[in-house]
N, C-alpha and C. Protein backbone atom coordinates (compact mmCIF):
# COMPACT_ATOMS: atom_id res chain seq x y z
N MET A 1 114.42 115.76 61.80
CA MET A 1 113.59 114.66 61.38
C MET A 1 112.46 114.47 62.41
N THR A 2 111.25 114.30 61.94
CA THR A 2 110.10 114.13 62.81
C THR A 2 109.85 112.66 63.07
N ARG A 3 109.72 112.31 64.33
CA ARG A 3 109.39 110.92 64.67
C ARG A 3 107.89 110.77 64.75
N MET A 4 107.41 109.66 64.30
CA MET A 4 105.98 109.38 64.32
C MET A 4 105.60 108.84 65.70
N ALA A 5 104.52 109.31 66.22
CA ALA A 5 104.03 108.82 67.51
C ALA A 5 103.40 107.44 67.32
N THR A 6 103.39 106.67 68.37
CA THR A 6 102.74 105.37 68.36
C THR A 6 101.75 105.33 69.51
N PRO A 7 100.74 104.44 69.44
CA PRO A 7 99.81 104.34 70.57
C PRO A 7 100.51 104.06 71.89
N GLN A 8 101.65 103.35 71.86
CA GLN A 8 102.36 103.04 73.09
C GLN A 8 102.95 104.29 73.73
N GLN A 9 103.17 105.36 72.96
CA GLN A 9 103.72 106.58 73.51
C GLN A 9 102.68 107.40 74.25
N HIS A 10 101.44 107.02 74.19
CA HIS A 10 100.35 107.71 74.90
C HIS A 10 99.65 106.70 75.81
N PRO A 11 100.39 106.11 76.78
CA PRO A 11 99.79 105.04 77.57
C PRO A 11 98.60 105.47 78.41
N ARG A 12 98.52 106.72 78.79
CA ARG A 12 97.42 107.18 79.64
C ARG A 12 96.22 107.65 78.85
N ARG A 13 96.40 107.89 77.58
CA ARG A 13 95.30 108.35 76.74
C ARG A 13 94.46 107.15 76.36
N MET A 14 93.20 107.18 76.73
CA MET A 14 92.32 106.05 76.47
C MET A 14 91.69 106.11 75.08
N ALA A 15 91.58 107.32 74.53
CA ALA A 15 90.98 107.48 73.20
C ALA A 15 91.62 108.69 72.52
N HIS A 16 91.71 108.60 71.20
CA HIS A 16 92.39 109.62 70.41
C HIS A 16 91.42 110.32 69.48
N PRO A 17 91.59 111.63 69.27
CA PRO A 17 90.80 112.33 68.26
C PRO A 17 91.12 111.78 66.87
N ILE A 18 90.23 112.01 65.93
CA ILE A 18 90.39 111.50 64.56
C ILE A 18 91.73 111.92 63.97
N ASN A 19 92.09 113.17 64.08
CA ASN A 19 93.35 113.65 63.50
C ASN A 19 94.56 112.93 64.10
N GLU A 20 94.54 112.74 65.39
CA GLU A 20 95.65 112.06 66.05
C GLU A 20 95.67 110.58 65.67
N ALA A 21 94.51 109.95 65.60
CA ALA A 21 94.44 108.55 65.17
C ALA A 21 95.01 108.41 63.77
N ALA A 22 94.69 109.34 62.88
CA ALA A 22 95.22 109.31 61.52
C ALA A 22 96.74 109.42 61.54
N GLU A 23 97.27 110.30 62.37
CA GLU A 23 98.72 110.45 62.47
C GLU A 23 99.36 109.17 63.00
N LEU A 24 98.77 108.58 64.02
CA LEU A 24 99.31 107.35 64.59
C LEU A 24 99.30 106.21 63.59
N LEU A 25 98.29 106.17 62.73
CA LEU A 25 98.17 105.12 61.72
C LEU A 25 98.91 105.46 60.44
N ALA A 26 99.43 106.67 60.34
CA ALA A 26 100.14 107.15 59.15
C ALA A 26 99.25 107.14 57.92
N VAL A 27 98.01 107.60 58.11
CA VAL A 27 97.06 107.71 57.01
C VAL A 27 96.40 109.09 57.09
N ASP A 28 95.69 109.44 56.03
CA ASP A 28 94.94 110.68 56.00
C ASP A 28 93.70 110.54 56.87
N ARG A 29 93.22 111.64 57.44
CA ARG A 29 92.04 111.55 58.29
C ARG A 29 90.81 111.07 57.52
N ARG A 30 90.76 111.33 56.21
CA ARG A 30 89.65 110.81 55.40
C ARG A 30 89.67 109.29 55.38
N THR A 31 90.86 108.71 55.41
CA THR A 31 90.98 107.26 55.47
C THR A 31 90.39 106.73 56.77
N VAL A 32 90.64 107.44 57.87
CA VAL A 32 90.06 107.04 59.16
C VAL A 32 88.54 107.09 59.08
N TYR A 33 87.98 108.14 58.49
CA TYR A 33 86.52 108.22 58.35
C TYR A 33 85.98 107.10 57.47
N ARG A 34 86.71 106.74 56.41
CA ARG A 34 86.27 105.62 55.56
C ARG A 34 86.32 104.31 56.33
N MET A 35 87.37 104.12 57.12
CA MET A 35 87.48 102.90 57.93
C MET A 35 86.32 102.81 58.93
N LEU A 36 85.95 103.94 59.51
CA LEU A 36 84.81 103.97 60.42
C LEU A 36 83.52 103.62 59.69
N ALA A 37 83.32 104.18 58.50
CA ALA A 37 82.10 103.93 57.73
C ALA A 37 81.99 102.48 57.32
N ARG A 38 83.13 101.83 57.02
CA ARG A 38 83.12 100.42 56.61
C ARG A 38 83.08 99.47 57.80
N GLY A 39 83.20 99.99 59.00
CA GLY A 39 83.18 99.13 60.19
C GLY A 39 84.51 98.49 60.50
N GLU A 40 85.58 98.95 59.86
CA GLU A 40 86.91 98.40 60.10
C GLU A 40 87.54 98.96 61.37
N LEU A 41 87.02 100.08 61.81
CA LEU A 41 87.54 100.78 62.98
C LEU A 41 86.34 101.23 63.80
N ARG A 42 86.47 101.12 65.11
CA ARG A 42 85.39 101.49 66.01
C ARG A 42 85.71 102.82 66.69
N ALA A 43 84.69 103.63 66.85
CA ALA A 43 84.84 104.91 67.55
C ALA A 43 83.82 104.99 68.67
N VAL A 44 84.09 105.87 69.60
CA VAL A 44 83.14 106.16 70.68
C VAL A 44 82.84 107.65 70.64
N ARG A 45 81.69 108.02 71.09
CA ARG A 45 81.31 109.44 71.16
C ARG A 45 81.64 109.95 72.56
N VAL A 46 82.28 111.10 72.58
CA VAL A 46 82.53 111.82 73.82
C VAL A 46 81.92 113.19 73.58
N GLY A 47 80.73 113.38 74.11
CA GLY A 47 79.98 114.59 73.79
C GLY A 47 79.59 114.53 72.33
N ALA A 48 79.94 115.56 71.58
CA ALA A 48 79.60 115.61 70.16
C ALA A 48 80.74 115.09 69.29
N ARG A 49 81.85 114.70 69.89
CA ARG A 49 83.03 114.31 69.12
C ARG A 49 83.26 112.81 69.12
N GLN A 50 83.84 112.32 68.03
CA GLN A 50 84.21 110.92 67.95
C GLN A 50 85.66 110.76 68.41
N ARG A 51 85.90 109.69 69.14
CA ARG A 51 87.26 109.35 69.57
C ARG A 51 87.50 107.89 69.22
N ILE A 52 88.74 107.58 68.88
CA ILE A 52 89.13 106.21 68.58
C ILE A 52 89.82 105.66 69.82
N PRO A 53 89.26 104.60 70.42
CA PRO A 53 89.89 104.02 71.61
C PRO A 53 91.31 103.53 71.30
N ALA A 54 92.22 103.70 72.25
CA ALA A 54 93.61 103.27 72.07
C ALA A 54 93.68 101.78 71.79
N ASP A 55 92.85 100.97 72.45
CA ASP A 55 92.89 99.53 72.21
C ASP A 55 92.43 99.18 70.80
N GLU A 56 91.60 100.02 70.20
CA GLU A 56 91.17 99.82 68.83
C GLU A 56 92.33 100.07 67.86
N LEU A 57 93.13 101.08 68.13
CA LEU A 57 94.31 101.33 67.30
C LEU A 57 95.30 100.19 67.44
N MET A 58 95.46 99.68 68.65
CA MET A 58 96.35 98.54 68.86
C MET A 58 95.84 97.31 68.10
N ARG A 59 94.53 97.11 68.11
CA ARG A 59 93.95 95.94 67.44
C ARG A 59 94.25 95.95 65.95
N ILE A 60 94.11 97.09 65.30
CA ILE A 60 94.30 97.10 63.85
C ILE A 60 95.76 97.19 63.44
N THR A 61 96.64 97.55 64.37
CA THR A 61 98.06 97.61 64.03
C THR A 61 98.80 96.36 64.46
N ARG A 62 98.16 95.48 65.20
CA ARG A 62 98.76 94.24 65.64
C ARG A 62 98.95 93.33 64.43
N PRO A 63 100.09 92.69 64.30
CA PRO A 63 100.28 91.79 63.16
C PRO A 63 99.24 90.67 63.15
N ALA A 64 98.77 90.33 61.98
CA ALA A 64 97.79 89.25 61.85
C ALA A 64 98.46 87.94 62.26
N GLU A 65 97.70 87.13 62.96
CA GLU A 65 98.23 85.84 63.36
C GLU A 65 98.21 84.90 62.18
N VAL A 66 99.28 84.19 62.00
CA VAL A 66 99.41 83.27 60.89
C VAL A 66 98.88 81.91 61.30
N ALA A 67 97.97 81.36 60.50
CA ALA A 67 97.42 80.04 60.79
C ALA A 67 98.48 78.99 60.49
N ALA A 68 98.64 78.06 61.41
CA ALA A 68 99.67 77.02 61.23
C ALA A 68 99.15 75.86 60.43
């Protein structure tokens, strides 16, 4: 059985490639590109490549706060 990686399992990695971000989010990489295009997810450029910051993955996977 394959275990899914989580952003917490890569504490030293500051940013993830698109494919890895997709795996961590359990979505297709096309979904990651759509999220980037809609502004739902932020990326940074490292040279010619896009990387998703680890804190950005944590932000979108954090449970929404419930208004009291």
